[in-house]
Amino acid sequence: MTSPIRFGGLASGIDTDTIIKQLMQVERAPVDKLEQKKQATEWKRDAYREINRSLMTLRNSAVDLMFSRNFYAKTSSSSDESRVSVVAGPSSGNTAIRIESVSQLATAATQVVEPVDKNGVKVTKATKVADMNLQSAIQEIKLSTATKEWTLSPKPRTGEAVALKDATNNPIDVNSYTYDEATGKVTMNDGSDVPTGTTATYTSGYQIQIRSVEGGDFKTIKVAEDATMENLVTALNGKDSGISAFFEPISGKLSLTQKQTGEKSIIEFDATTKAAFKIDPVALPQTGGDASFVVNGIPMTQSSNTVTIDNMTVTLKSSFAAGNPVTLSAATDTQKIFENIKGFVDKYNETIDLMNKKVKEDRFRSFTPLTQAQRDELSDDEIKKWEEKAMSGMLRGDTIVRSAMDALRGKWSSTTASTNDIEMKQLFQIGLSTGADFTNGGKIELNEEKLKAAIEKDPEQVYQLFTNTENGLLLKIRDAATGSRSSITRIAGADGSGAPTYSMGREMTEIDTRIRRLNDLLVGKENAYYRRFTAMETAMNQANSQAASLQQFLGGGM
């Protein structure tokens, strides 16, 4: 609302604006207190939410650590990486194997062909597929929803007819519909919709058929009517073709390689494609070969050069004769597992540190939130220093935060695991304890030497202590963090929550309502003050006018 322009003190000489301003400062005291209360509530809400965010991060860290790979990390090595490499899996044993010889690597089927056009001339990248002896591609598409104009995609070949069938697979009379070659659209001649379930059959572009697995089905590779040899090569390299293709333009040769290795992987074309590629129509399919090797005295064959042996992923890189074996080994990656656990412990301690700081932070009650009038009198640096004091200790001694700390701390001491090893039944036995100092709020003390020794001795038992469905630590921490977050969220809400959804939000809404009401009253009081001073000015102005008239009269009679 725009404030009216007022000129006070013209008759009396009194600075009425200053007087009213000072009077209103006194009147405004209840509003200032409410605004200070709201600001303090917002600060406390934000402090709660900071803890909530840390609890969420802790919860997510616990969930992430539950995956078995974090407790079964392995290191692996090969005595000759140039011949055989190895990657140990989480379930690999602490073991070693020998690859004694590799008589043959797995190979993929490969075929080199010389495509020709209809005149028997070698093709180039720019040769149109339409000029080659390839099979026409037949499209059959169904309309899912009735429409006035049905756009066929891909478009029929130029000059080709389009045949329609209804939803019951009966042919539709060609005189009852029209296909517009320019637009690629089908419409009904009577103006009605093309019915749902209508099927269109037509010739569109060209295709080749290729089989890449022995006994498998032919895959159809389609290209558009105006496609070139270069476009055909791109289609052959598609993810569903099963092969890789390379065209060498100088020789006009096309190299085709199966993407999979092994003797069951093949390259075989249909009869029409064989003719276009100058392949003997009775020639047998090109095939790959299996890898042959010896592991610890046992002959083995595999279709791939990457094989799994004792849960280790082994990659054969070259063939070699017996007498110079390659040794592969796997062992527990103690350092990696230790770092995974330490990362979680660090995140836990960060959360405990934050909560401990909040409940012990000094509260400076004499530093209340600044009113607008007070802020106007201070510099930015002074405001910052004041508010640092004013915001301190918002959660000092808070029972909800303390309860959350106690809940988290208790999960470490209550975690046990069923085991025959009595020295690894509880977390403190493997180097993780809350310590004797209760003033640290439950931070975890980590004994690196002890934890690494436990991991080396029995990673399975360490895994169970953390993830056992009944007493595992991570599930307990996850649930405790979730429960504490729920309690805080009911009071302070989550980031972005609407005010009506949490108690402090509702409290601040009520404060806003009271502030608006008081401000409305203040406007009325301010106007009343101005009316009184205006009346005084009017009266004094009249008095001054009468005095001037009297003086003029008396002066005129002398």
Protein backbone atom coordinates (compact mmCIF):
# COMPACT_ATOMS: atom_id res chain seq x y z
CA MET A 1 0.00 0.00 0.00
CA THR A 2 1.40 3.43 -0.93
CA SER A 3 1.95 5.73 2.08
CA PRO A 4 0.28 9.14 1.80
CA ILE A 5 2.50 12.25 1.45
CA ARG A 6 2.25 14.30 4.68
CA PHE A 7 3.67 17.71 5.66
CA GLY A 8 3.68 18.08 9.44
CA GLY A 9 4.59 20.99 11.72
CA LEU A 10 3.86 23.76 9.21
CA ALA A 11 1.89 25.77 11.74
CA SER A 12 3.39 24.61 15.05
CA GLY A 13 6.97 24.10 13.97
CA ILE A 14 6.92 20.68 15.68
CA ASP A 15 8.57 17.70 13.87
CA THR A 16 5.45 15.59 14.01
CA ASP A 17 6.84 12.86 11.70
CA THR A 18 9.71 12.14 14.11
CA ILE A 19 7.38 12.15 17.10
CA ILE A 20 4.96 9.73 15.42
CA LYS A 21 7.82 7.51 14.27
CA GLN A 22 9.07 7.25 17.84
CA LEU A 23 5.59 6.58 19.12
CA MET A 24 5.13 3.84 16.51
CA GLN A 25 8.42 2.20 17.50
CA VAL A 26 6.96 1.68 20.93
CA GLU A 27 3.68 0.46 19.44
CA ARG A 28 5.60 -1.91 17.12
CA ALA A 29 7.39 -3.74 19.95
CA PRO A 30 4.94 -6.72 19.93
CA VAL A 31 5.40 -7.12 16.15
CA ASP A 32 9.18 -7.04 16.54
CA LYS A 33 8.99 -9.78 19.17
CA LEU A 34 6.87 -11.95 16.89
CA GLU A 35 9.26 -11.43 13.96
CA GLN A 36 12.20 -12.31 16.22
CA LYS A 37 10.38 -15.43 17.36
CA LYS A 38 9.72 -16.44 13.77
CA GLN A 39 13.37 -15.87 12.82
CA ALA A 40 14.55 -18.00 15.75
CA THR A 41 12.11 -20.72 14.73
CA GLU A 42 13.44 -20.67 11.15
CA TRP A 43 17.02 -20.98 12.44
CA LYS A 44 16.07 -23.91 14.63
CA ARG A 45 14.23 -25.55 11.72
CA ASP A 46 17.29 -25.15 9.51
CA ALA A 47 19.53 -26.67 12.19
CA TYR A 48 17.21 -29.69 12.36
CA ARG A 49 17.23 -30.01 8.58
CA GLU A 50 21.04 -29.91 8.48
CA ILE A 51 21.06 -32.93 10.79
CA ASN A 52 18.37 -34.59 8.68
CA ARG A 53 20.49 -34.24 5.54
CA SER A 54 23.47 -35.78 7.33
CA LEU A 55 21.29 -38.67 8.54
CA MET A 56 20.09 -39.24 4.98
CA THR A 57 23.68 -39.38 3.73
CA LEU A 58 24.52 -41.84 6.52
CA ARG A 59 21.53 -43.98 5.66
CA ASN A 60 22.51 -44.06 1.98
CA SER A 61 26.10 -44.91 2.93
CA ALA A 62 24.84 -47.88 4.98
CA VAL A 63 22.69 -49.09 2.08
CA ASP A 64 25.57 -48.76 -0.39
CA LEU A 65 27.91 -50.77 1.85
CA MET A 66 25.44 -53.68 2.06
CA PHE A 67 26.47 -54.97 -1.38
CA SER A 68 28.63 -58.07 -1.06
CA ARG A 69 31.22 -56.71 -3.50
CA ASN A 70 32.31 -54.26 -0.80
CA PHE A 71 33.34 -57.13 1.49
CA TYR A 72 34.65 -59.59 -1.09
CA ALA A 73 36.94 -57.32 -3.10
CA LYS A 74 39.74 -59.30 -4.71
CA THR A 75 43.14 -58.62 -6.16
CA SER A 76 44.37 -60.69 -9.08
CA SER A 77 47.59 -61.10 -11.00
CA SER A 78 49.03 -62.88 -14.01
CA SER A 79 52.62 -63.96 -14.46
CA ASP A 80 52.38 -62.81 -18.10
CA GLU A 81 49.72 -60.23 -18.93
CA SER A 82 50.71 -60.26 -22.60
CA ARG A 83 49.52 -63.88 -22.95
CA VAL A 84 46.74 -64.25 -20.35
CA SER A 85 45.06 -61.63 -18.12
CA VAL A 86 42.78 -62.20 -15.16
CA VAL A 87 40.17 -60.30 -13.12
CA ALA A 88 39.05 -61.89 -9.86
CA GLY A 89 35.34 -61.80 -8.97
CA PRO A 90 33.90 -61.26 -5.47
CA SER A 91 33.37 -65.01 -5.01
CA SER A 92 36.83 -66.01 -6.21
CA GLY A 93 38.78 -68.07 -3.74
CA ASN A 94 42.29 -67.25 -2.58
CA THR A 95 43.71 -69.52 -5.23
CA ALA A 96 46.16 -69.93 -8.09
CA ILE A 97 45.79 -71.78 -11.41
CA ARG A 98 48.09 -72.47 -14.36
CA ILE A 99 47.26 -71.99 -18.01
CA GLU A 100 49.72 -74.57 -19.33
CA SER A 101 49.16 -73.96 -23.04
CA VAL A 102 46.83 -72.29 -25.55
CA SER A 103 46.85 -74.21 -28.82
CA GLN A 104 44.23 -72.00 -30.49
CA LEU A 105 42.44 -68.74 -29.74
CA ALA A 106 38.72 -68.45 -30.43
CA THR A 107 38.09 -66.85 -33.81
CA ALA A 108 35.09 -65.25 -35.47
CA ALA A 109 33.66 -66.19 -38.85
CA THR A 110 34.89 -63.83 -41.58
CA GLN A 111 33.90 -63.54 -45.22
CA VAL A 112 35.11 -61.22 -47.97
CA VAL A 113 32.72 -60.68 -50.90
CA GLU A 114 32.65 -58.58 -54.07
CA PRO A 115 29.18 -57.04 -54.55
CA VAL A 116 28.17 -56.23 -58.14
CA ASP A 117 25.35 -54.25 -59.70
CA LYS A 118 22.76 -55.56 -62.16
CA ASN A 119 25.31 -55.26 -64.98
CA GLY A 120 27.95 -57.29 -63.13
CA VAL A 121 30.09 -54.21 -62.39
CA LYS A 122 31.78 -53.85 -59.00
CA VAL A 123 29.93 -51.45 -56.79
CA THR A 124 31.22 -48.24 -55.20
CA LYS A 125 30.08 -46.44 -52.04
CA ALA A 126 27.71 -44.37 -54.17
CA THR A 127 26.15 -47.30 -56.02
CA LYS A 128 22.39 -47.35 -55.48
CA VAL A 129 21.07 -50.46 -53.77
CA ALA A 130 18.22 -50.30 -56.29
CA ASP A 131 20.81 -51.08 -59.00
CA MET A 132 21.90 -54.29 -57.26
CA ASN A 133 20.17 -57.66 -57.39
CA LEU A 134 18.80 -57.46 -53.86
CA GLN A 135 15.47 -58.70 -52.59
CA SER A 136 12.61 -56.21 -52.26
CA ALA A 137 11.66 -55.41 -48.65
CA ILE A 138 8.05 -56.18 -47.77
CA GLN A 139 6.51 -54.05 -45.04
CA GLU A 140 3.42 -55.01 -43.07
CA ILE A 141 2.24 -52.46 -40.53
CA LYS A 142 -0.93 -52.23 -38.45
CA LEU A 143 -2.85 -49.09 -37.46
CA SER A 144 -3.37 -48.94 -33.69
CA THR A 145 -5.83 -46.01 -33.59
CA ALA A 146 -8.38 -44.86 -36.19
CA THR A 147 -7.38 -41.70 -38.06
CA LYS A 148 -8.48 -39.58 -41.02
CA GLU A 149 -5.03 -39.73 -42.62
CA TRP A 150 -2.69 -42.64 -42.09
CA THR A 151 0.94 -41.80 -42.90
CA LEU A 152 2.84 -44.96 -43.90
CA SER A 153 6.38 -45.19 -42.56
CA PRO A 154 8.63 -46.22 -44.11
CA LYS A 155 7.13 -44.97 -47.36
CA PRO A 156 6.25 -47.47 -50.12
CA ARG A 157 8.61 -47.59 -53.09
CA THR A 158 7.79 -45.27 -55.97
CA GLY A 159 5.05 -46.69 -58.16
CA GLU A 160 4.26 -49.55 -55.72
CA ALA A 161 0.69 -50.37 -54.69
CA VAL A 162 -0.54 -50.52 -51.11
CA ALA A 163 -2.83 -53.38 -50.08
CA LEU A 164 -5.09 -52.99 -47.03
CA LYS A 165 -6.78 -55.58 -44.84
CA ASP A 166 -9.32 -54.94 -42.11
CA ALA A 167 -9.00 -55.97 -38.47
CA THR A 168 -10.37 -59.44 -39.32
CA ASN A 169 -7.69 -59.89 -42.01
CA ASN A 170 -10.11 -59.52 -44.92
CA PRO A 171 -8.89 -57.51 -47.96
CA ILE A 172 -10.30 -53.98 -48.29
CA ASP A 173 -11.51 -53.04 -51.79
CA VAL A 174 -8.83 -50.90 -53.52
CA ASN A 175 -11.62 -48.59 -54.77
CA SER A 176 -12.57 -47.63 -51.21
CA TYR A 177 -9.28 -45.99 -50.28
CA THR A 178 -6.54 -43.83 -51.82
CA TYR A 179 -2.78 -43.83 -51.28
CA ASP A 180 -1.14 -40.48 -52.09
CA GLU A 181 2.43 -41.19 -53.21
CA ALA A 182 3.50 -37.55 -52.71
CA THR A 183 2.47 -37.39 -49.05
CA GLY A 184 2.70 -41.09 -48.15
CA LYS A 185 -0.84 -40.96 -46.68
CA VAL A 186 -3.78 -43.36 -46.90
CA THR A 187 -7.34 -41.97 -46.73
CA MET A 188 -10.79 -43.52 -47.11
CA ASN A 189 -12.67 -42.30 -50.18
CA ASP A 190 -15.95 -41.83 -48.30
CA GLY A 191 -14.30 -39.41 -45.82
CA SER A 192 -14.49 -41.81 -42.87
CA ASP A 193 -11.57 -42.72 -40.63
CA VAL A 194 -9.15 -45.47 -41.56
CA PRO A 195 -10.36 -48.09 -39.03
CA THR A 196 -8.35 -49.32 -36.06
CA GLY A 197 -6.57 -52.60 -36.77
CA THR A 198 -6.17 -51.94 -40.51
CA THR A 199 -3.04 -53.62 -41.94
CA ALA A 200 -1.07 -52.16 -44.84
CA THR A 201 1.18 -54.39 -46.93
CA TYR A 202 3.55 -52.88 -49.48
CA THR A 203 7.08 -52.93 -50.89
CA SER A 204 9.50 -50.47 -49.30
CA GLY A 205 13.19 -50.44 -50.14
CA TYR A 206 15.40 -53.52 -50.25
CA GLN A 207 16.68 -56.14 -47.86
CA ILE A 208 19.25 -58.84 -47.28
CA GLN A 209 18.95 -61.80 -44.95
CA ILE A 210 21.82 -63.07 -42.86
CA ARG A 211 22.26 -65.87 -40.33
CA SER A 212 24.99 -65.47 -37.72
CA VAL A 213 24.39 -68.47 -35.44
CA GLU A 214 24.35 -72.11 -36.48
CA GLY A 215 20.75 -73.31 -36.49
CA GLY A 216 19.45 -69.77 -35.87
CA ASP A 217 16.94 -67.75 -37.87
CA PHE A 218 17.82 -65.41 -40.68
CA LYS A 219 17.86 -61.73 -39.67
CA THR A 220 16.49 -59.22 -42.15
CA ILE A 221 18.49 -56.05 -42.77
CA LYS A 222 16.38 -53.40 -44.55
CA VAL A 223 17.40 -50.19 -46.31
CA ALA A 224 15.40 -47.42 -47.97
CA GLU A 225 14.57 -47.23 -51.66
CA ASP A 226 17.20 -44.54 -52.32
CA ALA A 227 19.92 -46.15 -50.17
CA THR A 228 23.48 -46.48 -51.44
CA MET A 229 26.11 -49.14 -50.82
CA GLU A 230 27.44 -46.93 -48.03
CA ASN A 231 24.00 -46.93 -46.37
CA LEU A 232 23.84 -50.72 -46.71
CA VAL A 233 27.19 -51.07 -44.88
CA THR A 234 25.85 -48.84 -42.08
CA ALA A 235 22.76 -51.06 -41.79
CA LEU A 236 24.95 -54.19 -41.70
CA ASN A 237 26.81 -52.66 -38.75
CA GLY A 238 23.58 -52.20 -36.81
CA LYS A 239 23.39 -53.62 -33.30
CA ASP A 240 20.92 -56.37 -34.30
CA SER A 241 22.76 -57.69 -37.34
CA GLY A 242 25.27 -59.84 -35.45
CA ILE A 243 28.13 -58.86 -37.76
CA SER A 244 30.58 -56.05 -38.44
CA ALA A 245 30.99 -54.82 -42.01
CA PHE A 246 33.77 -52.86 -43.76
CA PHE A 247 33.74 -51.75 -47.42
CA GLU A 248 37.06 -51.04 -49.16
CA PRO A 249 36.26 -48.69 -52.07
CA ILE A 250 39.42 -49.22 -54.14
CA SER A 251 39.04 -52.99 -54.47
CA GLY A 252 35.25 -52.87 -54.19
CA LYS A 253 35.36 -55.64 -51.59
CA LEU A 254 33.13 -56.00 -48.54
CA SER A 255 34.55 -57.65 -45.40
CA LEU A 256 32.04 -59.22 -43.00
CA THR A 257 33.03 -60.45 -39.53
CA GLN A 258 30.87 -62.20 -36.94
CA LYS A 259 30.66 -60.30 -33.67
CA GLN A 260 30.79 -63.55 -31.70
CA THR A 261 33.64 -66.05 -31.73
CA GLY A 262 33.43 -69.84 -31.70
CA GLU A 263 32.75 -72.61 -34.17
CA LYS A 264 28.97 -72.18 -33.86
CA SER A 265 29.17 -68.56 -35.00
CA ILE A 266 28.65 -68.37 -38.77
CA ILE A 267 28.05 -66.00 -41.66
CA GLU A 268 25.40 -67.22 -44.10
CA PHE A 269 23.24 -65.25 -46.56
CA ASP A 270 19.99 -66.06 -48.33
CA ALA A 271 20.15 -67.09 -52.01
CA THR A 272 19.31 -63.62 -53.41
CA THR A 273 22.03 -61.94 -51.38
CA LYS A 274 24.55 -64.64 -52.35
CA ALA A 275 23.92 -63.82 -55.99
CA ALA A 276 24.37 -60.08 -55.42
CA PHE A 277 27.57 -60.72 -53.46
CA LYS A 278 28.95 -63.27 -55.97
CA ILE A 279 28.92 -66.11 -53.42
CA ASP A 280 28.70 -69.71 -54.67
CA PRO A 281 25.04 -70.68 -54.04
CA VAL A 282 26.08 -74.11 -52.68
CA ALA A 283 28.99 -72.83 -50.59
CA LEU A 284 28.89 -73.75 -46.90
CA PRO A 285 28.61 -70.97 -44.32
CA GLN A 286 31.81 -69.40 -43.02
CA THR A 287 32.46 -70.48 -39.44
CA GLY A 288 34.65 -69.40 -36.52
CA GLY A 289 36.73 -71.54 -34.20
CA ASP A 290 36.77 -72.39 -30.48
CA ALA A 291 39.62 -71.61 -28.12
CA SER A 292 41.63 -74.67 -27.03
CA PHE A 293 43.77 -74.53 -23.91
CA VAL A 294 44.92 -76.56 -20.89
CA VAL A 295 44.22 -75.54 -17.28
CA ASN A 296 46.05 -77.41 -14.51
CA GLY A 297 46.36 -80.43 -16.80
CA ILE A 298 42.73 -80.36 -17.94
CA PRO A 299 42.09 -79.71 -21.68
CA MET A 300 39.31 -77.19 -22.29
CA THR A 301 37.51 -75.64 -25.26
CA GLN A 302 35.43 -72.45 -25.17
CA SER A 303 33.70 -70.38 -27.83
CA SER A 304 35.20 -67.16 -26.43
CA ASN A 305 38.68 -66.02 -25.49
CA THR A 306 37.20 -64.65 -22.25
CA VAL A 307 36.25 -67.49 -19.93
CA THR A 308 35.32 -67.92 -16.27
CA ILE A 309 37.51 -70.27 -14.24
CA ASP A 310 37.07 -70.63 -10.46
CA ASN A 311 35.03 -67.39 -10.48
CA MET A 312 37.91 -65.55 -12.15
CA THR A 313 37.45 -63.88 -15.54
CA VAL A 314 40.35 -65.10 -17.68
CA THR A 315 41.19 -63.55 -21.07
CA LEU A 316 43.37 -65.51 -23.50
CA LYS A 317 45.47 -63.10 -25.58
CA SER A 318 47.82 -65.33 -27.57
CA SER A 319 48.55 -68.97 -28.24
CA PHE A 320 51.61 -70.66 -26.75
CA ALA A 321 52.98 -74.17 -26.37
CA ALA A 322 53.35 -76.22 -23.20
CA GLY A 323 56.46 -75.75 -21.11
CA ASN A 324 56.06 -72.07 -20.24
CA PRO A 325 52.76 -71.81 -18.30
CA VAL A 326 51.06 -68.62 -17.15
CA THR A 327 50.15 -68.54 -13.45
CA LEU A 328 47.01 -66.71 -12.39
CA SER A 329 46.24 -65.90 -8.76
CA ALA A 330 43.50 -64.25 -6.71
CA ALA A 331 43.53 -63.03 -3.12
CA THR A 332 41.38 -60.98 -0.77
CA ASP A 333 41.91 -57.26 -1.32
CA THR A 334 42.24 -56.42 2.34
CA GLN A 335 43.05 -52.76 1.72
CA LYS A 336 40.01 -52.22 -0.51
CA ILE A 337 37.62 -53.83 1.96
CA PHE A 338 39.20 -51.82 4.78
CA GLU A 339 38.73 -48.57 2.82
CA ASN A 340 35.08 -49.43 2.13
CA ILE A 341 34.40 -49.94 5.84
CA LYS A 342 36.46 -46.90 6.86
CA GLY A 343 34.51 -44.72 4.42
CA PHE A 344 31.27 -45.70 6.16
CA VAL A 345 32.76 -45.17 9.62
CA ASP A 346 33.98 -41.72 8.60
CA LYS A 347 30.50 -40.79 7.39
CA TYR A 348 29.02 -42.10 10.65
CA ASN A 349 31.48 -40.06 12.71
CA GLU A 350 30.73 -36.93 10.65
CA THR A 351 27.04 -37.31 11.49
CA ILE A 352 27.76 -37.88 15.19
CA ASP A 353 30.14 -34.89 15.20
CA LEU A 354 27.45 -32.65 13.74
CA MET A 355 24.79 -33.75 16.24
CA ASN A 356 27.26 -33.53 19.13
CA LYS A 357 28.16 -30.01 18.11
CA LYS A 358 24.51 -28.94 17.87
CA VAL A 359 23.50 -30.23 21.34
CA LYS A 360 26.60 -28.77 23.04
CA GLU A 361 26.77 -25.46 21.18
CA ASP A 362 26.73 -22.37 23.45
CA ARG A 363 23.47 -20.45 23.58
CA PHE A 364 23.80 -16.66 23.80
CA ARG A 365 20.34 -15.63 24.92
CA SER A 366 21.17 -11.94 25.00
CA PHE A 367 21.82 -12.07 21.26
CA THR A 368 18.28 -12.13 19.93
CA PRO A 369 17.42 -11.88 16.21
CA LEU A 370 17.84 -8.33 14.96
CA THR A 371 14.81 -6.22 14.17
CA GLN A 372 14.77 -4.28 10.90
CA ALA A 373 15.41 -1.05 12.78
CA GLN A 374 18.45 -2.57 14.48
CA ARG A 375 19.78 -3.95 11.17
CA ASP A 376 19.51 -0.48 9.62
CA GLU A 377 21.89 0.87 12.28
CA LEU A 378 24.60 -1.82 11.82
CA SER A 379 27.14 -2.60 9.11
CA ASP A 380 27.07 -5.90 7.20
CA ASP A 381 30.04 -7.21 9.19
CA GLU A 382 28.40 -6.28 12.48
CA ILE A 383 25.17 -8.01 11.41
CA LYS A 384 27.10 -11.17 10.47
CA LYS A 385 28.94 -11.33 13.81
CA TRP A 386 25.73 -10.68 15.75
CA GLU A 387 23.77 -13.38 13.93
CA GLU A 388 26.56 -15.93 14.44
CA LYS A 389 25.97 -15.50 18.15
CA ALA A 390 22.18 -15.34 17.79
CA MET A 391 22.03 -18.58 15.74
CA SER A 392 24.31 -20.50 18.09
CA GLY A 393 22.86 -23.16 20.36
CA MET A 394 19.46 -23.52 18.70
CA LEU A 395 19.49 -27.26 19.47
CA ARG A 396 21.47 -27.16 22.72
CA GLY A 397 20.40 -30.11 24.87
CA ASP A 398 17.72 -31.07 22.32
CA THR A 399 16.13 -34.36 23.38
CA ILE A 400 15.28 -35.48 19.84
CA VAL A 401 18.88 -35.10 18.64
CA ARG A 402 20.24 -36.76 21.79
CA SER A 403 17.81 -39.63 21.30
CA ALA A 404 19.06 -40.06 17.73
CA MET A 405 22.67 -40.15 18.95
CA ASP A 406 21.85 -42.73 21.61
CA ALA A 407 19.99 -44.89 19.09
CA LEU A 408 22.92 -44.88 16.65
CA ARG A 409 25.51 -45.54 19.35
CA GLY A 410 23.54 -48.51 20.70
CA LYS A 411 23.54 -50.29 17.34
CA TRP A 412 27.30 -50.84 17.43
CA SER A 413 27.37 -52.51 20.84
CA SER A 414 24.26 -54.64 20.16
CA THR A 415 25.50 -56.07 16.85
CA THR A 416 26.47 -59.74 17.02
CA ALA A 417 26.89 -62.60 14.56
CA SER A 418 26.48 -66.38 14.83
CA THR A 419 29.90 -67.91 14.39
CA ASN A 420 32.12 -70.63 15.74
CA ASP A 421 34.89 -68.08 16.10
CA ILE A 422 34.29 -66.52 19.52
CA GLU A 423 36.88 -63.86 18.70
CA MET A 424 34.75 -62.40 15.90
CA LYS A 425 31.26 -62.29 17.39
CA GLN A 426 31.09 -58.53 17.99
CA LEU A 427 32.32 -55.41 16.24
CA PHE A 428 34.75 -54.33 18.96
CA GLN A 429 36.55 -57.65 18.46
CA ILE A 430 37.41 -56.69 14.86
CA GLY A 431 38.57 -53.17 15.70
CA LEU A 432 35.38 -51.08 15.74
CA SER A 433 34.20 -49.68 19.08
CA THR A 434 32.46 -46.64 20.54
CA GLY A 435 35.28 -46.25 23.04
CA ALA A 436 35.17 -45.31 26.69
CA ASP A 437 34.77 -41.56 26.17
CA PHE A 438 31.03 -40.86 26.33
CA THR A 439 31.60 -37.15 25.71
CA ASN A 440 32.30 -37.84 22.03
CA GLY A 441 28.63 -38.73 21.57
CA GLY A 442 29.29 -42.25 20.28
CA LYS A 443 31.97 -41.73 17.60
CA ILE A 444 33.59 -44.93 16.41
CA GLU A 445 37.22 -45.64 17.15
CA LEU A 446 38.76 -47.71 14.35
CA ASN A 447 41.74 -49.98 15.02
CA GLU A 448 43.25 -50.31 11.53
CA GLU A 449 45.59 -53.20 12.35
CA LYS A 450 42.88 -55.20 14.09
CA LEU A 451 40.28 -54.65 11.34
CA LYS A 452 42.67 -55.62 8.55
CA ALA A 453 43.64 -58.77 10.42
CA ALA A 454 39.96 -59.73 10.75
CA ILE A 455 39.34 -59.12 7.05
CA GLU A 456 42.33 -61.25 6.12
CA LYS A 457 41.29 -64.00 8.50
CA ASP A 458 37.60 -64.30 7.58
CA PRO A 459 35.98 -61.73 5.24
CA GLU A 460 32.74 -63.74 5.34
CA GLN A 461 32.43 -63.22 9.09
CA VAL A 462 33.13 -59.49 8.71
CA TYR A 463 30.44 -59.39 6.03
CA GLN A 464 27.93 -61.10 8.34
CA LEU A 465 28.62 -58.67 11.19
CA PHE A 466 27.68 -55.82 8.88
CA THR A 467 24.87 -57.32 6.78
CA ASN A 468 23.23 -60.21 8.66
CA THR A 469 19.47 -59.80 8.23
CA GLU A 470 18.79 -60.27 11.96
CA ASN A 471 21.66 -58.51 13.71
CA GLY A 472 23.74 -56.87 10.97
CA LEU A 473 24.99 -53.37 11.79
CA LEU A 474 24.12 -51.73 8.47
CA LEU A 475 20.44 -52.65 8.63
CA LYS A 476 20.27 -51.31 12.18
CA ILE A 477 21.99 -48.04 11.25
CA ARG A 478 19.74 -47.70 8.21
CA ASP A 479 16.60 -48.16 10.30
CA ALA A 480 17.83 -45.93 13.15
CA ALA A 481 18.71 -43.13 10.73
CA THR A 482 15.34 -43.50 9.00
CA GLY A 483 13.49 -43.41 12.31
CA SER A 484 15.37 -40.34 13.54
CA ARG A 485 14.76 -38.57 10.26
CA SER A 486 11.04 -39.27 10.55
CA SER A 487 10.93 -37.72 14.04
CA ILE A 488 12.79 -34.61 12.90
CA THR A 489 10.75 -34.33 9.69
CA ARG A 490 7.50 -34.26 11.68
CA ILE A 491 8.84 -31.22 13.53
CA ALA A 492 11.04 -29.41 10.99
CA GLY A 493 9.90 -30.87 7.68
CA ALA A 494 12.10 -31.90 4.78
CA ASP A 495 13.76 -29.47 2.37
CA GLY A 496 11.00 -27.97 0.25
CA SER A 497 8.16 -29.16 2.49
CA GLY A 498 5.01 -27.04 2.67
CA ALA A 499 4.44 -25.27 5.99
CA PRO A 500 1.22 -27.18 6.86
CA THR A 501 3.05 -30.53 6.76
CA TYR A 502 5.26 -30.04 9.85
CA SER A 503 4.72 -28.52 13.29
CA MET A 504 7.29 -25.70 13.07
CA GLY A 505 5.83 -24.70 9.70
CA ARG A 506 2.37 -24.46 11.22
CA GLU A 507 3.80 -22.43 14.10
CA MET A 508 5.44 -19.96 11.71
CA THR A 509 2.21 -19.67 9.72
CA GLU A 510 0.37 -18.75 12.93
CA ILE A 511 3.04 -16.15 13.72
CA ASP A 512 2.63 -14.66 10.25
CA THR A 513 -1.11 -14.39 10.80
CA ARG A 514 -0.61 -12.59 14.12
CA ILE A 515 1.96 -10.23 12.54
CA ARG A 516 -0.47 -9.29 9.75
CA ARG A 517 -3.21 -8.56 12.27
CA LEU A 518 -0.93 -6.38 14.40
CA ASN A 519 0.37 -4.55 11.34
CA ASP A 520 -3.19 -3.74 10.36
CA LEU A 521 -3.75 -2.31 13.85
CA LEU A 522 -0.51 -0.33 13.65
CA VAL A 523 -1.64 1.30 10.41
CA GLY A 524 -4.81 2.40 12.18
CA LYS A 525 -2.87 3.77 15.16
CA GLU A 526 -0.43 5.64 12.94
CA ASN A 527 -3.33 7.24 11.05
CA ALA A 528 -4.95 8.18 14.34
CA TYR A 529 -1.75 9.91 15.51
CA TYR A 530 -1.56 11.84 12.27
CA ARG A 531 -5.22 12.88 12.58
CA ARG A 532 -4.60 14.24 16.08
CA PHE A 533 -1.53 16.19 15.06
CA THR A 534 -3.34 17.42 11.97
CA ALA A 535 -6.19 18.67 14.17
CA MET A 536 -3.63 20.42 16.39
CA GLU A 537 -1.99 22.03 13.37
CA THR A 538 -5.40 23.15 12.07
CA ALA A 539 -6.30 24.71 15.42
CA MET A 540 -2.95 26.47 15.72
CA ASN A 541 -3.23 27.72 12.18
CA GLN A 542 -6.65 29.21 12.99
CA ALA A 543 -5.26 30.78 16.16
CA ASN A 544 -2.35 32.25 14.27
CA SER A 545 -4.75 33.65 11.66
CA GLN A 546 -6.93 35.26 14.33
CA ALA A 547 -3.90 36.76 16.07
CA ALA A 548 -2.69 38.22 12.80
CA SER A 549 -6.11 39.74 12.14
CA LEU A 550 -6.26 41.20 15.65
CA GLN A 551 -2.79 42.63 15.33
CA GLN A 552 -3.70 44.20 12.01
CA PHE A 553 -6.87 45.69 13.52
CA LEU A 554 -5.11 47.15 16.55
CA GLY A 555 -2.33 48.48 14.44
CA GLY A 556 -4.79 50.13 12.09
CA GLY A 557 -6.46 52.12 14.95
CA MET A 558 -3.34 53.91 16.12
